[in-house]
Protein backbone atom coordinates (compact mmCIF):
# COMPACT_ATOMS: atom_id res chain seq x y z
CA MET A 1 -71.61 142.33 -28.50
CA ASP A 2 -72.54 138.69 -28.21
CA PRO A 3 -70.28 136.82 -30.67
CA PHE A 4 -72.91 134.11 -30.98
CA HIS A 5 -75.75 136.47 -31.84
CA PHE A 6 -76.36 137.13 -35.52
CA THR A 7 -78.82 139.49 -37.14
CA GLU A 8 -78.82 137.19 -40.19
CA ILE A 9 -77.66 133.63 -40.80
CA PRO A 10 -74.20 133.41 -42.41
CA GLU A 11 -74.07 131.80 -45.83
CA PHE A 12 -72.23 128.72 -44.53
CA TYR A 13 -74.56 126.48 -46.53
CA HIS A 14 -73.33 127.82 -49.88
CA ASN A 15 -70.71 125.81 -51.75
CA ARG A 16 -67.28 127.30 -51.51
CA ASN A 17 -64.89 127.73 -54.40
CA GLY A 18 -64.70 124.58 -56.54
CA ASN A 19 -61.03 123.97 -55.73
CA ASP A 20 -61.86 123.87 -52.01
CA ASN A 21 -65.02 121.83 -52.27
CA VAL A 22 -64.28 118.56 -50.52
CA ILE A 23 -67.22 116.75 -52.08
CA CYS A 24 -66.19 117.74 -55.61
CA ALA A 25 -62.61 116.72 -54.90
CA LYS A 26 -63.75 113.32 -53.63
CA LEU A 27 -66.01 112.89 -56.64
CA ARG A 28 -63.17 113.67 -59.06
CA GLU A 29 -61.01 111.17 -57.19
CA GLN A 30 -63.61 108.41 -57.39
CA ALA A 31 -64.81 109.15 -60.94
CA SER A 32 -61.69 109.59 -63.02
CA ALA A 33 -61.71 108.80 -66.73
CA THR A 34 -59.64 105.66 -66.12
CA ILE A 35 -62.09 104.33 -63.54
CA PHE A 36 -65.06 105.21 -65.75
CA THR A 37 -63.54 103.26 -68.65
CA GLN A 38 -62.91 100.27 -66.40
CA LEU A 39 -66.47 100.29 -65.05
CA LEU A 40 -67.88 100.75 -68.55
CA SER A 41 -66.02 97.63 -69.63
CA GLU A 42 -67.53 95.67 -66.74
CA HIS A 43 -70.97 97.11 -67.46
CA GLN A 44 -70.79 95.89 -71.05
CA SER A 45 -70.36 92.28 -69.92
CA LEU A 46 -67.16 91.17 -71.62
CA SER A 47 -67.88 93.19 -74.80
CA SER A 48 -66.08 96.41 -73.88
CA SER A 49 -64.08 96.54 -77.11
CA SER A 50 -67.05 96.29 -79.48
CA LEU A 51 -68.59 99.47 -80.90
CA SER A 52 -72.07 97.97 -80.88
CA SER A 53 -71.83 97.28 -77.15
CA ILE A 54 -70.77 100.86 -76.43
CA GLN A 55 -73.65 102.15 -78.53
CA SER A 56 -76.11 99.83 -76.77
CA THR A 57 -75.19 101.28 -73.37
CA GLY A 58 -75.00 104.83 -74.67
CA GLY A 59 -71.48 105.10 -73.29
CA LYS A 60 -72.91 105.19 -69.78
CA ILE A 61 -72.68 103.08 -66.64
CA SER A 62 -75.49 102.32 -64.24
CA ILE A 63 -75.68 103.96 -60.82
CA LEU A 64 -75.59 100.47 -59.28
CA THR A 65 -72.29 99.66 -60.99
CA PHE A 66 -70.71 102.85 -59.67
CA PHE A 67 -72.23 102.28 -56.20
CA ARG A 68 -70.74 98.77 -56.03
CA TYR A 69 -67.36 100.15 -57.04
CA VAL A 70 -67.43 102.82 -54.32
CA MET A 71 -68.57 100.31 -51.69
CA ARG A 72 -65.81 97.91 -52.70
CA LYS A 73 -63.19 100.65 -52.51
CA ILE A 74 -64.41 101.78 -49.08
CA TRP A 75 -64.30 98.17 -47.86
CA LEU A 76 -60.73 97.77 -49.12
CA GLN A 77 -59.66 100.96 -47.36
CA GLN A 78 -61.29 99.90 -44.09
CA ALA A 79 -59.83 96.42 -44.30
CA ARG A 80 -56.38 97.81 -45.04
CA VAL A 81 -56.52 100.03 -41.96
CA SER A 82 -57.69 97.08 -39.86
CA LEU A 83 -54.88 94.82 -41.11
CA SER A 84 -52.24 97.55 -40.81
CA PHE A 85 -53.02 97.80 -37.11
CA TRP A 86 -51.48 94.31 -36.72
CA ASP A 87 -48.44 95.06 -38.90
CA SER A 88 -45.77 94.76 -36.19
CA SER A 89 -42.96 95.98 -38.46
CA ALA A 90 -44.99 98.81 -40.05
CA ASN A 91 -43.70 97.97 -43.53
CA GLY A 92 -46.88 96.77 -45.22
CA TYR A 93 -46.36 93.07 -44.45
CA LEU A 94 -47.88 90.61 -42.00
CA THR A 95 -45.90 87.83 -40.38
CA ARG A 96 -47.56 84.59 -39.30
CA LEU A 97 -47.82 85.90 -35.75
CA ASP A 98 -49.34 89.17 -36.99
CA LEU A 99 -52.00 87.35 -38.97
CA GLU A 100 -52.72 84.93 -36.12
CA ASN A 101 -53.28 87.88 -33.78
CA TYR A 102 -55.61 89.51 -36.33
CA ILE A 103 -57.69 86.35 -36.76
CA ARG A 104 -57.78 85.73 -33.01
CA GLN A 105 -59.38 89.12 -32.30
CA LEU A 106 -61.68 88.66 -35.29
CA ILE A 107 -63.21 85.36 -34.14
CA PRO A 108 -65.80 86.91 -31.74
CA THR A 109 -67.23 88.92 -34.67
CA LEU A 110 -67.63 85.84 -36.91
CA THR A 111 -71.15 84.81 -35.97
CA LYS A 112 -70.99 81.54 -37.90
CA LEU A 113 -68.31 80.34 -35.49
CA ASN A 114 -70.51 80.88 -32.42
CA ASN A 115 -71.35 77.18 -32.16
CA MET A 116 -67.73 76.06 -32.40
CA ASP A 117 -66.22 74.98 -29.09
CA LYS A 118 -63.49 77.34 -27.90
CA SER A 119 -61.08 74.42 -27.60
CA TYR A 120 -60.95 74.44 -31.42
CA TYR A 121 -59.89 78.10 -31.61
CA PRO A 122 -56.11 77.41 -31.75
CA PHE A 123 -56.69 74.90 -34.56
CA TYR A 124 -59.00 77.29 -36.37
CA ILE A 125 -56.40 80.07 -36.24
CA CYS A 126 -53.80 77.65 -37.57
CA VAL A 127 -56.03 76.42 -40.42
CA ALA A 128 -56.95 79.97 -41.46
CA THR A 129 -53.41 81.32 -41.26
CA ARG A 130 -51.87 78.41 -43.19
CA LYS A 131 -54.34 79.05 -46.04
CA PHE A 132 -53.26 82.68 -46.37
CA PHE A 133 -49.57 81.81 -46.34
CA PHE A 134 -49.93 78.79 -48.61
CA ILE A 135 -51.55 80.94 -51.31
CA LEU A 136 -49.66 84.21 -50.82
CA ASP A 137 -46.22 83.01 -49.70
CA PRO A 138 -45.36 79.91 -51.79
CA HIS A 139 -41.62 80.72 -51.63
CA LYS A 140 -41.62 80.66 -47.81
CA HIS A 141 -40.56 84.23 -47.05
CA ASN A 142 -42.66 83.99 -43.87
CA ARG A 143 -44.47 87.24 -44.53
CA ILE A 144 -47.26 88.37 -46.86
CA ARG A 145 -48.10 91.79 -48.24
CA ILE A 146 -51.24 93.41 -46.89
CA ILE A 147 -52.17 94.52 -50.40
CA ASP A 148 -52.00 90.89 -51.55
CA VAL A 149 -54.26 89.83 -48.69
CA LEU A 150 -56.85 92.40 -49.76
CA PHE A 151 -56.94 91.41 -53.43
CA SER A 152 -56.58 87.65 -53.00
CA GLY A 153 -60.25 87.15 -52.14
CA LEU A 154 -59.30 85.13 -49.04
CA LEU A 155 -60.24 87.91 -46.66
CA ASP A 156 -63.65 88.10 -48.36
CA ASP A 157 -64.22 84.41 -47.62
CA LEU A 158 -63.13 84.83 -44.01
CA LEU A 159 -65.31 87.88 -43.33
CA GLU A 160 -68.26 86.18 -45.01
CA LEU A 161 -68.62 84.26 -41.74
CA ARG A 162 -69.94 87.44 -40.13
CA ASN A 163 -73.29 86.83 -41.79
CA ASN A 164 -75.49 84.62 -39.61
CA GLY A 165 -77.83 83.65 -42.43
CA ASP A 166 -80.55 86.31 -42.00
CA GLY A 167 -79.02 88.68 -44.52
CA TYR A 168 -77.71 91.16 -41.95
CA ASP A 169 -74.35 91.70 -40.32
CA HIS A 170 -74.91 91.88 -36.56
CA ASN A 171 -71.42 93.33 -36.08
CA ASP A 172 -72.16 96.37 -38.20
CA SER A 173 -69.80 98.63 -36.30
CA ASN A 174 -66.89 96.50 -37.46
CA ASN A 175 -68.33 95.69 -40.85
CA HIS A 176 -65.61 95.31 -43.44
CA GLN A 177 -67.63 93.10 -45.73
CA PRO A 178 -67.70 93.82 -49.48
CA HIS A 179 -71.01 94.68 -51.12
CA HIS A 180 -70.99 91.77 -53.55
CA HIS A 181 -70.82 89.36 -50.61
CA GLN A 182 -73.81 91.06 -49.03
CA GLN A 183 -75.72 90.35 -52.23
CA GLN A 184 -74.65 86.72 -52.20
CA GLN A 185 -75.80 86.41 -48.60
CA GLN A 186 -79.23 87.85 -49.43
CA GLN A 187 -79.61 85.39 -52.30
CA THR A 188 -78.58 82.57 -49.99
CA THR A 189 -81.20 83.63 -47.44
CA ASN A 190 -83.89 83.41 -50.11
CA THR A 191 -82.95 79.84 -50.96
CA GLY A 192 -83.15 78.66 -47.37
CA ASN A 193 -80.89 77.32 -44.66
CA ARG A 194 -80.18 74.08 -46.52
CA ASN A 195 -78.31 75.85 -49.31
CA GLN A 196 -76.59 78.04 -46.72
CA SER A 197 -75.10 74.99 -45.01
CA ILE A 198 -73.92 73.62 -48.36
CA ILE A 199 -72.10 76.87 -49.15
CA ASP A 200 -70.52 76.91 -45.68
CA ASN A 201 -69.09 73.44 -46.24
CA PHE A 202 -67.11 74.73 -49.21
CA ASN A 203 -65.64 77.65 -47.28
CA TRP A 204 -62.15 76.78 -46.04
CA PHE A 205 -62.63 79.17 -43.12
CA SER A 206 -65.82 77.53 -41.85
CA ALA A 207 -65.94 75.80 -38.47
CA ALA A 208 -66.94 72.56 -40.20
CA ASN A 209 -63.72 72.54 -42.21
CA THR A 210 -61.52 73.02 -39.14
CA ILE A 211 -63.31 70.17 -37.36
CA ARG A 212 -62.97 68.01 -40.49
CA LEU A 213 -59.21 68.57 -40.64
CA TYR A 214 -58.79 68.07 -36.89
CA ASN A 215 -60.64 64.74 -37.02
CA MET A 216 -58.57 63.61 -40.01
CA TYR A 217 -55.39 64.38 -38.09
CA ILE A 218 -56.56 62.58 -34.94
CA ASP A 219 -57.64 59.51 -36.95
CA LEU A 220 -54.18 59.24 -38.53
CA ASP A 221 -52.36 59.58 -35.20
CA ASP A 222 -52.40 55.90 -34.16
CA ASP A 223 -49.90 56.24 -31.32
CA HIS A 224 -51.64 59.38 -29.94
CA ASN A 225 -48.42 61.36 -29.60
CA GLY A 226 -49.84 64.39 -31.38
CA MET A 227 -47.64 63.86 -34.46
CA ILE A 228 -47.95 62.02 -37.77
CA SER A 229 -45.27 59.56 -38.88
CA LYS A 230 -44.53 58.35 -42.41
CA LEU A 231 -46.37 55.12 -41.80
CA GLU A 232 -49.39 56.93 -40.39
CA LEU A 233 -49.53 59.36 -43.31
CA ARG A 234 -49.58 56.52 -45.83
CA LYS A 235 -52.99 55.55 -44.48
CA PHE A 236 -54.33 58.87 -45.74
CA GLY A 237 -54.06 57.84 -49.39
CA ASN A 238 -52.49 55.38 -51.78
CA PHE A 239 -49.28 57.39 -51.90
CA ASN A 240 -46.08 56.50 -53.68
CA GLU A 241 -43.87 55.52 -50.73
CA LEU A 242 -40.83 57.25 -52.25
CA PHE A 243 -42.85 60.45 -52.47
CA VAL A 244 -43.67 60.15 -48.76
CA GLU A 245 -39.96 59.70 -47.98
CA GLN A 246 -39.12 62.82 -49.95
CA LEU A 247 -42.03 64.72 -48.41
CA PHE A 248 -40.67 64.15 -44.90
CA ASP A 249 -37.18 65.15 -46.06
CA VAL A 250 -38.37 68.49 -47.44
CA CYS A 251 -41.08 69.50 -44.95
CA MET A 252 -40.34 70.57 -41.40
CA THR A 253 -40.45 67.57 -39.10
CA TYR A 254 -39.93 66.87 -35.40
CA ASN A 255 -38.13 63.58 -34.75
CA LYS A 256 -39.07 62.66 -38.35
CA GLU A 257 -42.77 63.29 -37.73
CA ILE A 258 -44.98 66.15 -38.90
CA ASP A 259 -47.20 68.36 -36.76
CA PHE A 260 -50.67 69.74 -37.41
CA LYS A 261 -49.33 72.85 -39.21
CA THR A 262 -47.38 70.84 -41.79
CA PHE A 263 -50.32 68.47 -42.17
CA ILE A 264 -52.54 71.43 -43.13
CA ASP A 265 -50.01 72.50 -45.79
CA ILE A 266 -50.07 68.99 -47.25
CA ILE A 267 -53.87 68.96 -47.33
CA LEU A 268 -53.93 72.37 -49.00
CA ALA A 269 -51.55 71.11 -51.67
CA LEU A 270 -53.48 67.88 -52.25
CA GLU A 271 -56.87 69.57 -52.48
CA ASN A 272 -55.69 72.36 -54.81
CA ARG A 273 -53.52 70.56 -57.36
CA LYS A 274 -54.68 72.79 -60.19
CA GLU A 275 -53.38 75.89 -58.40
CA ILE A 276 -49.87 77.13 -59.11
CA GLN A 277 -49.04 77.33 -55.39
CA SER A 278 -49.81 73.63 -55.00
CA GLN A 279 -47.80 72.79 -58.09
CA HIS A 280 -44.82 74.70 -56.70
CA PHE A 281 -45.17 72.82 -53.41
CA PHE A 282 -45.04 69.43 -55.13
CA PHE A 283 -42.34 70.44 -57.62
CA THR A 284 -40.05 71.32 -54.70
CA ILE A 285 -40.59 67.84 -53.27
CA LEU A 286 -40.19 66.03 -56.58
CA ASP A 287 -36.95 67.89 -57.35
CA ILE A 288 -34.83 65.41 -55.37
CA ASN A 289 -31.53 66.70 -56.80
CA HIS A 290 -32.37 70.37 -56.16
CA CYS A 291 -31.53 71.20 -59.78
CA HIS A 292 -34.79 73.07 -60.42
CA TYR A 293 -35.85 70.55 -63.05
CA LEU A 294 -37.12 66.99 -63.33
CA ASP A 295 -35.21 64.64 -65.63
CA ASP A 296 -34.97 60.90 -66.35
CA TYR A 297 -33.16 60.31 -63.06
CA VAL A 298 -36.02 61.85 -61.06
CA LEU A 299 -38.74 60.13 -63.06
CA ARG A 300 -36.98 56.77 -62.72
CA TYR A 301 -36.69 57.28 -58.96
CA PHE A 302 -40.44 57.59 -58.51
CA PHE A 303 -41.15 55.03 -61.23
CA LYS A 304 -39.47 52.33 -59.11
CA ALA A 305 -42.28 52.52 -56.56
CA ILE A 306 -44.91 52.38 -59.31
CA GLU A 307 -43.17 49.34 -60.80
CA ASN A 308 -43.10 47.57 -57.42
CA GLN A 309 -46.75 48.40 -56.78
CA MET A 310 -47.80 46.86 -60.11
CA ARG A 311 -45.84 43.69 -59.34
CA ARG A 312 -47.45 43.42 -55.89
CA GLN A 313 -50.84 43.52 -57.59
CA GLY A 314 -49.84 40.83 -60.08
CA GLN A 315 -49.67 43.23 -63.03
CA GLU A 316 -47.02 43.41 -65.71
CA PRO A 317 -45.05 46.64 -65.14
CA ILE A 318 -44.91 49.11 -67.99
CA ARG A 319 -41.57 50.07 -69.54
CA PHE A 320 -39.85 53.14 -68.14
CA ASP A 321 -39.25 54.54 -71.61
CA ASP A 322 -42.97 54.45 -72.33
CA PHE A 323 -43.68 56.02 -68.95
CA SER A 324 -41.17 58.88 -69.34
CA ASN A 325 -41.96 59.56 -73.00
CA GLU A 326 -45.64 59.91 -72.15
CA ILE A 327 -44.79 62.53 -69.52
CA TYR A 328 -42.43 64.46 -71.79
CA ASP A 329 -45.05 64.42 -74.55
CA MET A 330 -47.59 65.98 -72.21
CA ILE A 331 -45.19 68.63 -70.92
CA ARG A 332 -43.28 69.43 -74.14
CA PRO A 333 -40.28 71.07 -72.37
CA GLN A 334 -39.00 74.23 -74.05
CA LYS A 335 -35.39 74.53 -72.84
CA HIS A 336 -34.35 70.87 -72.94
CA SER A 337 -36.29 67.94 -74.34
CA ARG A 338 -35.56 65.72 -71.31
CA ARG A 339 -35.70 68.30 -68.55
CA ILE A 340 -38.93 69.62 -67.05
CA TYR A 341 -38.58 73.04 -65.44
CA PHE A 342 -41.33 74.47 -63.28
CA ASP A 343 -42.36 76.90 -66.00
CA ASP A 344 -42.68 73.99 -68.42
CA LEU A 345 -44.88 72.13 -65.97
CA VAL A 346 -47.24 75.08 -65.47
CA ALA A 347 -47.36 76.05 -69.15
CA SER A 348 -48.30 72.52 -70.21
CA GLY A 349 -51.69 72.68 -68.51
CA HIS A 350 -51.15 69.10 -67.28
CA ALA A 351 -49.31 69.87 -64.03
CA ASP A 352 -52.00 68.37 -61.79
CA THR A 353 -52.07 65.16 -63.89
CA ILE A 354 -48.28 64.76 -63.83
CA ILE A 355 -48.15 65.38 -60.08
CA SER A 356 -50.91 62.83 -59.45
CA ILE A 357 -49.10 60.22 -61.55
CA LEU A 358 -45.84 60.64 -59.62
CA ILE A 359 -47.11 60.93 -56.04
CA ASP A 360 -50.27 58.84 -55.95
CA PHE A 361 -50.82 55.28 -57.22
CA ASN A 362 -54.51 56.08 -57.67
CA GLY A 363 -53.53 59.01 -59.87
CA PHE A 364 -51.28 56.74 -61.93
CA TYR A 365 -53.98 54.09 -62.40
CA ALA A 366 -56.57 56.74 -63.25
CA TYR A 367 -54.34 58.00 -66.05
CA GLU A 368 -53.45 54.52 -67.25
CA ASN A 369 -57.12 53.57 -67.45
CA ARG A 370 -58.34 56.93 -68.75
CA ASP A 371 -59.68 55.51 -72.03
CA SER A 372 -61.82 52.88 -70.34
CA ASN A 373 -62.96 55.45 -67.76
CA ILE A 374 -64.07 57.78 -70.54
CA ARG A 375 -65.99 54.99 -72.27
CA LEU A 376 -67.66 54.05 -68.99
CA ARG A 377 -68.57 57.66 -68.27
CA ASN A 378 -70.04 58.08 -71.75
CA ALA A 379 -72.04 54.88 -71.34
CA ASN A 380 -73.48 56.11 -68.05
CA ASN A 381 -74.43 59.44 -69.62
CA ARG A 382 -75.93 57.91 -72.76
CA PRO A 383 -79.73 58.53 -72.93
CA MET A 384 -81.98 55.49 -72.77
CA SER A 385 -83.58 54.32 -76.00
CA PRO A 386 -87.26 55.06 -76.59
CA MET A 387 -87.98 51.34 -76.45
CA LEU A 388 -86.61 51.11 -72.88
CA ASN A 389 -88.48 54.23 -71.85
CA SER A 390 -91.82 52.89 -73.11
C-alpha cells in the first residue's frame, strides 16, 4: 500500500486540543491580564486611573494599540538576539570591543551613512560606542547590559538610520526597527526632505554629527599631533582654568593630553548637562578631595579662578561667602548644611546650573546676570503697541 496515497484527506487542518494549540498558547502569552491593563492605561492617554476614562473606552483597547505592542516586542526579541551574537562572554553584557564589532558590521545596513567617506568609519564607531557607554555605564565598569541597551532608546536612534527617507527599509531582511519609528519616518517623508535633514542633524548617530565632532577636534589640535592639550582645550570654551586642570587629572591622558575618545566623553557631558550621567561625570571632576561631597574648600578652590577672571576684566570680585551661600541655598543639602553630596545635587533640580557656574565663566556670568537677561528676554517678547502697528 502506498503510504502517501489516501482515500480521504486527514483532518490535519482541525485545531488540536487547546493545551497543545501553539497559536492559543502564543496569544495567551501576548495578551495576559497584566499586559492588557498596561495597554489600556496607554490607550486612555494618561487617564488610566479615572472611572470616566475607562467608561469612555468601554474597557477595551484598539487593535492598533495591541499591534504596536506586539511589533515592539518582536523587535526587542530580534534585537536582543542580534546583540547577543556579539556577547563575547555570553553573560548578557557587551564590552566596548563587543559593541564596536556590532556597530562595525551594522554600518553597511545604515543607508543614511552611504554618503559618508569610509575614512570616517573608525571615528563613527568611536562616537557611537562612547554614547552608549556614557549613558549606560557612568560608573566605568567597562561593560553594559544588553537589556539596558534595548530599553535605553539609543538603539532605536541608531537603527533609525536604516531609513533612506522614502518611508521604506531597504534592508528588510535585517530589519530590527521598531514600529513607532516606522511611523515617524512616514510622517517625515510627508513633510519633505528639508525636515528630514533637520531631524538627522539632531541624531547623535548621524554622519553629520561624527563629521562635526571630528572637525572640532582637528580645529583644536594646533600642533597636529593628534592629541589635545590643556591649552588647546581652553580654546573650546571660556572654561575655568582650574576645572581644566582637574579634568586632565581625572580623565585618561597620554603625556598629559587627551585623545579623541576622551574628547567625545567631554562633549557628551557638556551637551547633556541636564542628564544624570553628565552630572555624575562633572561631580567626579569637581570632587577634588575624593570625599564624595563638595564643601567650602572645593567651592573656594574653583572660586579663585572666577575671582581672578573678574579682576582681569576690571570687575569687582564678589565675596566668597555670598558665592557659596547662593550655591547652598539652591542645593539645600540634606545630610550636612555645608556639604553637597551627589544625591543632593541631583535632587535640587539645579545641578546643571551649579555645574555651569563652577566650570564655565560664561555659565557664571549668565547666572550673575540672570535678572537682566530675563528683563531683556521679556522686552523682546513683549507685543508691539497698536500705535506702532498702525
